[in-house]
N, C-alpha and C. Protein backbone atom coordinates (compact mmCIF):
# COMPACT_ATOMS: atom_id res chain seq x y z
N MET A 1 0.60 -1.40 -0.11
CA MET A 1 0.16 -0.13 0.19
C MET A 1 0.74 1.28 -0.05
N GLY A 2 0.62 2.35 -0.38
CA GLY A 2 1.16 3.97 -0.61
C GLY A 2 0.59 4.64 1.03
N VAL A 3 1.86 5.32 0.80
CA VAL A 3 1.49 6.37 1.29
C VAL A 3 0.33 7.32 1.93
N SER A 4 -0.48 7.36 2.90
CA SER A 4 -1.16 8.33 2.84
C SER A 4 -1.29 9.72 3.39
N GLY A 5 -2.51 10.32 1.65
CA GLY A 5 -2.06 11.74 1.62
C GLY A 5 -2.94 12.18 0.85
N PRO A 6 -3.66 13.53 1.10
CA PRO A 6 -4.74 14.07 0.51
C PRO A 6 -5.30 13.48 -1.20
N PRO A 7 -6.49 13.75 -1.02
CA PRO A 7 -7.38 13.18 -1.90
C PRO A 7 -6.62 13.76 -3.15
N ALA A 8 -6.73 12.52 -4.26
CA ALA A 8 -5.94 13.02 -5.35
C ALA A 8 -6.44 14.93 -6.05
N GLU A 9 -7.81 15.02 -5.97
CA GLU A 9 -8.16 16.60 -6.55
C GLU A 9 -6.94 17.97 -5.51
N GLU A 10 -6.20 16.97 -4.08
CA GLU A 10 -5.45 18.34 -3.57
C GLU A 10 -4.11 17.56 -3.26
N ALA A 11 -3.79 16.88 -4.59
CA ALA A 11 -2.15 15.68 -4.17
C ALA A 11 -1.29 17.25 -3.72
N ALA A 12 -1.59 19.01 -4.20
CA ALA A 12 -0.76 19.97 -4.70
C ALA A 12 -0.69 20.57 -3.23
N LEU A 13 -1.59 20.14 -2.47
CA LEU A 13 -1.43 20.72 -0.58
C LEU A 13 -0.72 20.62 -0.20
N VAL A 14 0.09 21.07 0.48
CA VAL A 14 1.20 20.79 1.46
C VAL A 14 0.72 20.83 3.03
N PRO A 15 1.45 19.36 3.87
CA PRO A 15 0.78 19.72 5.31
C PRO A 15 1.45 20.88 6.46
N ILE A 16 0.62 21.07 7.31
CA ILE A 16 1.16 22.00 8.17
C ILE A 16 2.39 21.78 8.24
N ASP A 17 2.92 20.92 8.63
CA ASP A 17 4.78 20.67 8.99
C ASP A 17 6.14 20.84 7.85
N GLU A 18 5.50 20.25 6.75
CA GLU A 18 6.16 21.40 5.43
C GLU A 18 5.75 22.30 5.28
N LEU A 19 4.83 22.97 5.59
CA LEU A 19 4.67 24.13 5.29
C LEU A 19 5.12 25.28 6.38
N ALA A 20 5.43 24.83 7.35
CA ALA A 20 6.04 25.48 8.66
C ALA A 20 7.93 24.94 8.86
N ARG A 21 7.80 24.36 7.89
CA ARG A 21 9.45 24.37 7.74
C ARG A 21 9.99 24.77 6.54
N ARG A 22 9.56 25.44 5.73
CA ARG A 22 9.44 26.20 4.26
C ARG A 22 9.49 27.65 4.88
N PHE A 23 9.21 27.60 6.30
CA PHE A 23 9.26 29.29 6.52
C PHE A 23 10.33 29.51 7.93
N GLY A 24 10.29 28.18 8.08
CA GLY A 24 12.04 28.24 9.61
C GLY A 24 11.10 28.25 10.46
N LEU A 25 9.74 27.91 10.64
CA LEU A 25 8.52 28.16 12.16
C LEU A 25 8.55 26.36 12.63
N ARG A 26 8.18 26.70 13.67
CA ARG A 26 6.99 25.33 14.31
C ARG A 26 5.65 25.02 13.72
N ALA A 27 4.90 24.59 13.61
CA ALA A 27 3.86 23.88 13.17
C ALA A 27 3.08 24.91 13.94
N SER A 28 3.33 24.82 14.99
CA SER A 28 2.32 25.72 16.78
C SER A 28 2.44 26.91 15.98
N ALA A 29 3.66 27.87 15.51
CA ALA A 29 3.38 28.77 14.98
C ALA A 29 2.26 29.34 13.93
N VAL A 30 2.00 28.11 13.19
CA VAL A 30 1.19 28.74 11.17
C VAL A 30 -0.15 27.99 12.07
N ARG A 31 -0.15 26.94 13.52
CA ARG A 31 -1.11 27.07 13.72
C ARG A 31 -2.12 28.43 14.49
N TYR A 32 -1.20 29.16 15.62
CA TYR A 32 -1.58 30.48 16.15
C TYR A 32 -1.77 31.34 15.06
N TYR A 33 -1.36 31.69 13.65
CA TYR A 33 -1.27 32.25 12.58
C TYR A 33 -2.86 32.32 12.16
N GLU A 34 -3.33 30.99 12.11
CA GLU A 34 -4.84 30.47 11.85
C GLU A 34 -5.80 30.73 13.14
N GLU A 35 -5.14 31.17 14.09
CA GLU A 35 -5.98 31.70 15.81
C GLU A 35 -6.29 32.63 14.87
N ARG A 36 -5.46 33.79 14.75
CA ARG A 36 -5.50 34.90 14.88
C ARG A 36 -6.21 35.57 13.75
N GLY A 37 -6.78 34.39 12.53
CA GLY A 37 -7.31 34.81 11.54
C GLY A 37 -6.96 34.92 10.77
N LEU A 38 -5.61 34.60 10.33
CA LEU A 38 -4.56 35.34 9.07
C LEU A 38 -4.86 33.97 8.42
N LEU A 39 -4.71 32.87 8.93
CA LEU A 39 -4.29 31.85 7.45
C LEU A 39 -4.94 30.82 7.44
N PHE A 40 -5.60 30.28 6.55
CA PHE A 40 -6.40 29.33 6.62
C PHE A 40 -6.74 28.06 5.94
N PRO A 41 -6.50 26.59 6.74
CA PRO A 41 -6.11 25.32 6.13
C PRO A 41 -7.19 25.05 4.30
N VAL A 42 -7.08 24.32 3.61
CA VAL A 42 -7.74 24.30 2.46
C VAL A 42 -8.47 22.99 3.06
N SER A 43 -7.95 22.20 3.97
CA SER A 43 -8.60 20.64 4.51
C SER A 43 -7.79 20.68 5.57
N ARG A 44 -8.13 19.19 5.81
CA ARG A 44 -7.79 18.11 6.86
C ARG A 44 -8.02 16.86 6.62
N HIS A 45 -7.00 16.49 6.78
CA HIS A 45 -7.17 14.84 6.05
C HIS A 45 -6.12 13.97 6.88
N SER A 46 -6.34 13.24 7.98
CA SER A 46 -5.93 12.52 8.67
C SER A 46 -5.56 13.34 9.90
N GLY A 47 -6.39 14.35 10.07
CA GLY A 47 -6.21 14.39 11.12
C GLY A 47 -5.17 15.97 10.79
N ARG A 48 -4.76 15.99 9.77
CA ARG A 48 -3.61 16.97 9.55
C ARG A 48 -3.76 18.38 8.56
N ARG A 49 -3.66 19.61 8.81
CA ARG A 49 -3.88 20.71 7.70
C ARG A 49 -2.83 20.66 6.83
N TRP A 50 -3.78 21.27 5.43
CA TRP A 50 -3.29 21.41 4.39
C TRP A 50 -3.09 22.13 3.87
N TYR A 51 -2.67 23.23 2.44
CA TYR A 51 -2.74 24.22 3.11
C TYR A 51 -2.25 24.06 1.19
N GLY A 52 -2.71 25.23 0.02
CA GLY A 52 -2.59 25.43 -0.86
C GLY A 52 -1.84 26.19 -1.66
N ALA A 53 -1.37 26.90 -2.57
CA ALA A 53 -0.63 27.52 -2.76
C ALA A 53 -0.89 29.25 -2.76
N ALA A 54 -2.23 29.54 -2.55
CA ALA A 54 -2.79 30.85 -2.24
C ALA A 54 -2.50 30.64 -0.59
N GLU A 55 -2.46 29.61 -0.27
CA GLU A 55 -2.31 29.86 1.42
C GLU A 55 -0.78 30.47 2.30
N VAL A 56 -0.22 29.08 1.05
CA VAL A 56 1.63 28.80 1.27
C VAL A 56 1.66 30.78 1.16
N ARG A 57 1.63 30.98 -0.41
CA ARG A 57 1.57 32.70 -0.60
C ARG A 57 1.09 33.77 0.63
N ARG A 58 -0.04 33.58 1.43
CA ARG A 58 -0.32 34.15 1.78
C ARG A 58 0.98 34.24 3.33
N LEU A 59 1.45 33.44 3.58
CA LEU A 59 1.86 33.39 4.71
C LEU A 59 3.66 33.84 4.59
N ALA A 60 4.16 33.61 3.42
CA ALA A 60 4.51 34.42 2.29
C ALA A 60 4.70 36.19 2.88
N VAL A 61 3.78 36.39 2.95
CA VAL A 61 3.22 37.79 2.94
C VAL A 61 3.45 38.08 4.24
N ILE A 62 2.64 37.22 4.70
CA ILE A 62 2.37 37.64 6.60
C ILE A 62 4.21 37.22 7.18
N ARG A 63 4.97 36.87 6.86
CA ARG A 63 6.22 36.82 7.19
C ARG A 63 7.00 38.00 6.79
N TYR A 64 7.12 38.34 5.02
CA TYR A 64 8.08 39.14 4.92
C TYR A 64 7.30 40.47 6.16
N TRP A 65 6.25 40.65 5.59
CA TRP A 65 5.95 42.20 6.55
C TRP A 65 6.31 42.13 8.16
N GLN A 66 6.15 40.85 8.71
CA GLN A 66 6.73 40.80 10.08
C GLN A 66 8.52 41.12 10.17
N GLU A 67 8.85 40.46 9.26
CA GLU A 67 10.48 41.14 9.05
C GLU A 67 11.09 42.08 8.33
N SER A 68 10.46 42.64 7.66
CA SER A 68 10.64 43.74 6.65
C SER A 68 9.70 44.52 7.10
N GLY A 69 9.37 44.87 7.29
CA GLY A 69 8.01 46.12 7.48
C GLY A 69 7.83 46.02 8.85
N LEU A 70 8.19 45.25 10.08
CA LEU A 70 8.55 45.11 11.65
C LEU A 70 6.86 45.47 12.26
N MET A 71 6.47 44.09 11.81
CA MET A 71 4.78 44.80 12.10
C MET A 71 4.53 44.06 12.95
N SER A 72 3.67 44.07 13.85
CA SER A 72 2.91 43.08 14.67
C SER A 72 2.13 42.47 14.21
N LEU A 73 1.34 41.08 14.58
CA LEU A 73 0.37 40.24 13.78
C LEU A 73 -0.75 40.86 13.45
N GLU A 74 -1.20 42.07 14.64
CA GLU A 74 -2.58 42.89 14.61
C GLU A 74 -1.73 43.80 13.52
N GLU A 75 -0.94 44.15 12.87
CA GLU A 75 -0.81 45.21 12.17
C GLU A 75 -1.03 44.88 10.68
N VAL A 76 0.09 43.55 10.49
CA VAL A 76 0.05 42.46 9.67
C VAL A 76 -1.69 42.40 8.81
N ALA A 77 -2.51 42.00 10.34
CA ALA A 77 -3.83 42.04 9.74
C ALA A 77 -4.78 42.51 9.28
N ASP A 78 -4.16 43.82 9.88
CA ASP A 78 -4.87 45.33 9.57
C ASP A 78 -4.49 45.55 8.15
N MET A 79 -3.62 45.47 7.91
CA MET A 79 -3.25 45.16 5.85
C MET A 79 -3.26 44.33 4.78
N MET A 80 -3.97 43.52 5.36
CA MET A 80 -4.55 42.22 5.05
C MET A 80 -5.36 41.86 4.67
N ALA A 81 -6.22 42.53 5.52
CA ALA A 81 -7.44 42.57 5.92
C ALA A 81 -7.79 43.95 4.47
N GLY A 82 -7.05 45.06 4.17
CA GLY A 82 -7.34 45.91 3.08
C GLY A 82 -8.56 47.01 3.27
N PRO A 83 -8.88 46.80 2.18
CA PRO A 83 -9.73 48.04 2.52
C PRO A 83 -11.66 47.45 3.01
N GLY A 84 -11.98 48.48 3.62
CA GLY A 84 -13.12 48.41 4.15
C GLY A 84 -14.21 48.92 3.83
N PRO A 85 -15.14 48.86 4.81
CA PRO A 85 -16.03 50.58 5.05
C PRO A 85 -15.59 51.70 5.42
N GLY A 86 -15.60 52.69 4.22
CA GLY A 86 -14.74 53.54 4.47
C GLY A 86 -13.93 53.95 4.29
N ARG A 87 -12.72 52.96 4.38
CA ARG A 87 -11.50 52.78 4.07
C ARG A 87 -10.76 52.02 2.91
N SER A 88 -10.06 53.04 1.83
CA SER A 88 -9.59 52.76 1.00
C SER A 88 -8.41 51.61 1.43
N TRP A 89 -7.73 51.51 -0.21
CA TRP A 89 -6.20 51.18 -0.16
C TRP A 89 -5.40 51.60 -0.10
N ARG A 90 -5.95 52.97 -0.67
CA ARG A 90 -4.89 53.50 -0.43
C ARG A 90 -4.89 54.54 0.84
N GLN A 91 -5.76 54.76 1.89
CA GLN A 91 -5.98 54.64 3.22
C GLN A 91 -5.12 54.11 4.26
N VAL A 92 -5.43 52.41 3.66
CA VAL A 92 -4.60 51.50 5.02
C VAL A 92 -2.70 52.05 4.35
N LEU A 93 -2.97 51.48 2.86
CA LEU A 93 -1.35 51.98 2.77
C LEU A 93 -0.99 53.60 3.46
N GLU A 94 -1.60 54.87 3.45
CA GLU A 94 -1.34 55.89 4.18
C GLU A 94 -0.95 55.65 5.37
N GLN A 95 -2.31 54.68 6.47
CA GLN A 95 -1.70 54.69 7.68
C GLN A 95 -0.48 53.90 7.93
N ARG A 96 -0.06 52.65 6.71
CA ARG A 96 0.80 51.85 7.27
C ARG A 96 2.13 52.50 7.05
N VAL A 97 2.50 54.12 6.14
CA VAL A 97 3.71 54.59 5.83
C VAL A 97 3.85 55.66 6.76
N GLU A 98 2.51 56.25 7.18
CA GLU A 98 3.19 56.82 8.33
C GLU A 98 3.90 56.21 10.00
N ALA A 99 2.77 54.92 9.93
CA ALA A 99 3.20 54.43 10.77
C ALA A 99 4.71 53.99 11.40
N LEU A 100 4.79 53.50 9.79
CA LEU A 100 6.50 53.50 9.13
C LEU A 100 7.80 54.47 9.70
N ARG A 101 6.97 55.47 9.65
CA ARG A 101 7.96 56.96 9.57
C ARG A 101 8.21 56.96 11.53
N GLY A 102 6.67 57.10 11.61
CA GLY A 102 7.11 56.88 13.71
C GLY A 102 8.53 55.57 13.68
N GLN A 103 8.19 54.93 13.22
CA GLN A 103 9.12 53.44 13.68
C GLN A 103 10.34 54.40 12.88
N ILE A 104 10.55 55.13 12.18
CA ILE A 104 11.81 55.12 11.68
C ILE A 104 12.36 56.32 13.00
N GLY A 105 11.22 57.93 13.03
CA GLY A 105 12.05 58.24 13.89
C GLY A 105 12.75 57.97 15.29
N ARG A 106 11.97 56.61 15.87
CA ARG A 106 12.14 56.05 16.93
C ARG A 106 13.21 55.55 16.51
N MET A 107 13.60 54.97 15.54
CA MET A 107 15.06 53.90 15.01
C MET A 107 16.07 54.49 15.10
N GLU A 108 16.27 56.26 14.98
CA GLU A 108 17.33 57.41 14.32
C GLU A 108 17.51 57.73 15.47
N ALA A 109 16.50 57.64 15.96
CA ALA A 109 16.72 58.64 18.02
C ALA A 109 17.91 57.68 18.29
N ALA A 110 17.30 56.32 18.48
CA ALA A 110 18.22 54.72 19.00
C ALA A 110 19.30 55.14 18.36
N LYS A 111 19.89 55.08 17.30
CA LYS A 111 20.89 54.47 16.94
C LYS A 111 21.94 55.97 17.26
N GLY A 112 21.13 57.09 16.61
CA GLY A 112 21.96 58.39 17.17
C GLY A 112 22.54 58.16 18.88
N PHE A 113 21.44 57.74 19.43
CA PHE A 113 22.35 57.70 21.24
C PHE A 113 23.31 56.44 20.90
N LEU A 114 22.93 55.78 20.65
CA LEU A 114 24.12 54.99 20.82
C LEU A 114 25.38 55.26 19.77
N GLU A 115 25.35 55.76 18.80
CA GLU A 115 26.66 56.91 18.14
C GLU A 115 27.28 57.43 18.98
N HIS A 116 26.31 57.77 19.90
CA HIS A 116 26.77 59.01 20.85
C HIS A 116 27.37 58.49 22.20
N VAL A 117 27.19 57.31 22.80
CA VAL A 117 27.70 56.14 23.12
C VAL A 117 28.85 55.88 22.62
N ILE A 118 28.81 55.42 21.63
CA ILE A 118 30.06 54.61 21.27
C ILE A 118 31.06 56.17 21.09
N ALA A 119 30.96 57.48 20.64
CA ALA A 119 31.53 58.60 20.81
C ALA A 119 32.18 58.99 22.01
N ASN A 120 31.61 59.23 22.82
CA ASN A 120 32.06 59.46 24.03
C ASN A 120 31.65 58.85 24.82
N HIS A 121 31.75 57.53 25.27
CA HIS A 121 32.08 56.58 26.79
C HIS A 121 32.54 55.71 26.70
N GLU A 122 33.56 55.36 27.80
CA GLU A 122 33.96 53.82 27.49
C GLU A 122 33.32 52.88 27.79
N ASP A 123 32.81 53.66 28.86
CA ASP A 123 31.42 52.60 29.66
C ASP A 123 30.38 52.73 29.79
N ALA A 124 29.17 52.01 30.51
CA ALA A 124 27.97 52.60 30.60
C ALA A 124 27.57 53.95 30.79
N PRO A 125 26.85 54.34 29.57
CA PRO A 125 26.36 55.85 29.60
C PRO A 125 25.69 56.46 30.89
N ASP A 126 25.95 55.81 32.05
CA ASP A 126 24.85 56.11 33.33
C ASP A 126 25.28 57.36 33.44
N GLY A 127 24.65 58.41 34.15
CA GLY A 127 25.07 60.11 34.67
C GLY A 127 24.95 61.26 33.33
N CYS A 128 25.51 60.34 32.02
CA CYS A 128 26.05 61.69 30.93
C CYS A 128 24.39 61.94 31.18
N PRO A 129 24.31 63.72 30.75
CA PRO A 129 23.42 64.56 30.80
C PRO A 129 22.77 64.33 29.61
N HIS A 130 22.93 63.69 28.40
CA HIS A 130 22.46 63.39 27.42
C HIS A 130 21.54 62.08 27.65
N TYR A 131 22.20 60.73 28.25
CA TYR A 131 21.33 59.99 28.22
C TYR A 131 19.94 60.33 29.72
N GLU A 132 20.63 60.55 30.54
CA GLU A 132 19.79 60.86 31.48
C GLU A 132 18.33 62.14 30.70
N ALA A 133 18.60 62.40 29.91
CA ALA A 133 17.73 63.54 29.40
C ALA A 133 16.47 62.40 28.61
N LEU A 134 16.87 61.75 27.80
CA LEU A 134 16.26 60.85 26.78
C LEU A 134 15.61 59.85 27.98
N ILE A 135 16.20 59.07 29.52
CA ILE A 135 15.52 58.42 29.66
C ILE A 135 14.36 59.09 30.61
N TRP A 136 14.54 60.28 31.40
CA TRP A 136 13.71 61.23 31.99
C TRP A 136 12.64 61.91 31.22
N GLY A 137 13.14 62.01 29.83
CA GLY A 137 12.01 63.15 28.70
C GLY A 137 12.91 64.15 29.30
N GLY A 138 13.40 64.91 28.84
CA GLY A 138 13.65 66.13 29.72
C GLY A 138 14.85 66.96 30.30
N ASP A 139 14.76 67.59 31.07
CA ASP A 139 16.12 67.80 31.77
C ASP A 139 16.75 67.14 32.62
N ALA A 140 17.57 66.24 32.36
CA ALA A 140 18.18 65.43 32.98
C ALA A 140 18.57 65.94 34.61
N THR A 141 19.13 66.76 35.15
CA THR A 141 19.12 66.97 36.42
C THR A 141 18.19 67.34 37.87
N HIS A 142 17.10 67.98 37.18
CA HIS A 142 15.87 68.17 38.02
C HIS A 142 14.29 67.18 37.82
N ASP A 143 14.22 66.95 36.55
CA ASP A 143 13.27 66.61 35.97
C ASP A 143 12.33 64.70 36.84
N HIS A 144 13.07 64.01 36.84
CA HIS A 144 13.21 62.44 37.32
C HIS A 144 12.73 62.98 38.82
N ILE A 145 13.36 63.73 39.94
CA ILE A 145 13.20 64.18 41.23
C ILE A 145 11.72 64.86 41.00
N ALA A 146 11.20 65.96 40.38
CA ALA A 146 10.50 66.19 40.53
C ALA A 146 9.30 65.40 39.94
N HIS A 147 9.25 64.60 38.94
CA HIS A 147 8.05 63.81 38.99
C HIS A 147 8.28 62.51 39.98
N ASP A 148 9.30 62.64 40.57
CA ASP A 148 9.06 61.34 41.46
C ASP A 148 8.39 62.15 43.15
N HIS A 149 8.81 63.29 43.12
CA HIS A 149 8.32 64.13 43.85
C HIS A 149 6.45 64.49 43.93
N ILE A 150 6.58 64.56 42.70
CA ILE A 150 5.04 64.57 41.84
C ILE A 150 3.82 63.44 42.71
N ASP A 151 4.89 62.29 42.04
CA ASP A 151 4.22 61.07 41.77
C ASP A 151 3.74 60.61 43.27
N HIS A 152 5.04 60.74 44.15
CA HIS A 152 4.99 60.72 45.43
C HIS A 152 3.20 61.61 46.91
N ASP A 153 3.40 63.08 45.83
CA ASP A 153 2.37 63.36 46.36
C ASP A 153 1.05 63.29 45.79
N HIS A 154 0.69 62.78 44.44
CA HIS A 154 -0.88 61.93 43.95
C HIS A 154 -1.09 61.06 45.08
N ILE A 155 0.18 60.14 44.88
CA ILE A 155 -0.20 58.27 46.27
C ILE A 155 -0.35 58.84 47.21
N ALA A 156 0.27 59.78 47.69
CA ALA A 156 -0.87 60.42 48.85
C ALA A 156 -1.62 60.57 49.53
N HIS A 157 -1.43 62.08 48.57
CA HIS A 157 -3.53 62.15 48.37
C HIS A 157 -4.38 61.51 48.29
N ASP A 158 -4.27 60.32 47.05
CA ASP A 158 -5.06 59.42 46.68
C ASP A 158 -5.19 58.33 48.02
N HIS A 159 -4.13 58.75 49.00
CA HIS A 159 -4.45 57.72 49.95
C HIS A 159 -4.73 57.69 50.95
N ILE A 160 -5.34 59.50 51.35
CA ILE A 160 -5.66 59.61 52.26
C ILE A 160 -6.76 60.58 51.75
N ALA A 161 -7.19 60.23 50.64
CA ALA A 161 -8.83 60.57 50.15
C ALA A 161 -9.43 59.05 51.01
N HIS A 162 -8.58 57.85 50.49
CA HIS A 162 -9.63 57.29 50.05
C HIS A 162 -9.74 56.40 51.71
N ASP A 163 -8.62 57.30 52.63
CA ASP A 163 -9.08 56.23 54.23
C ASP A 163 -10.21 57.25 54.50
N HIS A 164 -10.53 58.63 53.92
CA HIS A 164 -11.45 59.34 54.69
C HIS A 164 -12.78 59.18 53.94
N SER A 165 -12.86 58.10 53.19
CA SER A 165 -13.82 58.41 52.33
C SER A 165 -15.01 56.97 53.18
């Protein structure tokens, strides 16, 4: 007897383990994409999920957007959903371009900081005014102390208010 596989009309289908292997994934990752509504098996045979060429391509698109577009699965799903009521393809793409601009800006800032550390510090940048300003979001000398003070005052006020209620 031959090896059991999908029916003849589904011979071009790929089982889940092979699909996962092609993309360097575990089968559990493919099942997770299914749970998220990103991927759908064409059929199930002998307890295995089988995928056609369209699904293989869809997984390639998902992986591309995750890796090169630095997109979360939620963002990938949004892109793949495409246009909808009150939303054209152009709007979908413009929203993603704007999100990428924001990511690029944050990445440029991180790159600039790392270049600053390389150029100005032999060790960790702790105490560097530039670094302190970045992590505290402003004037490194006193902003974090002021924020700390305000937070403690706010917490104390809330605590007193709740005690007297």
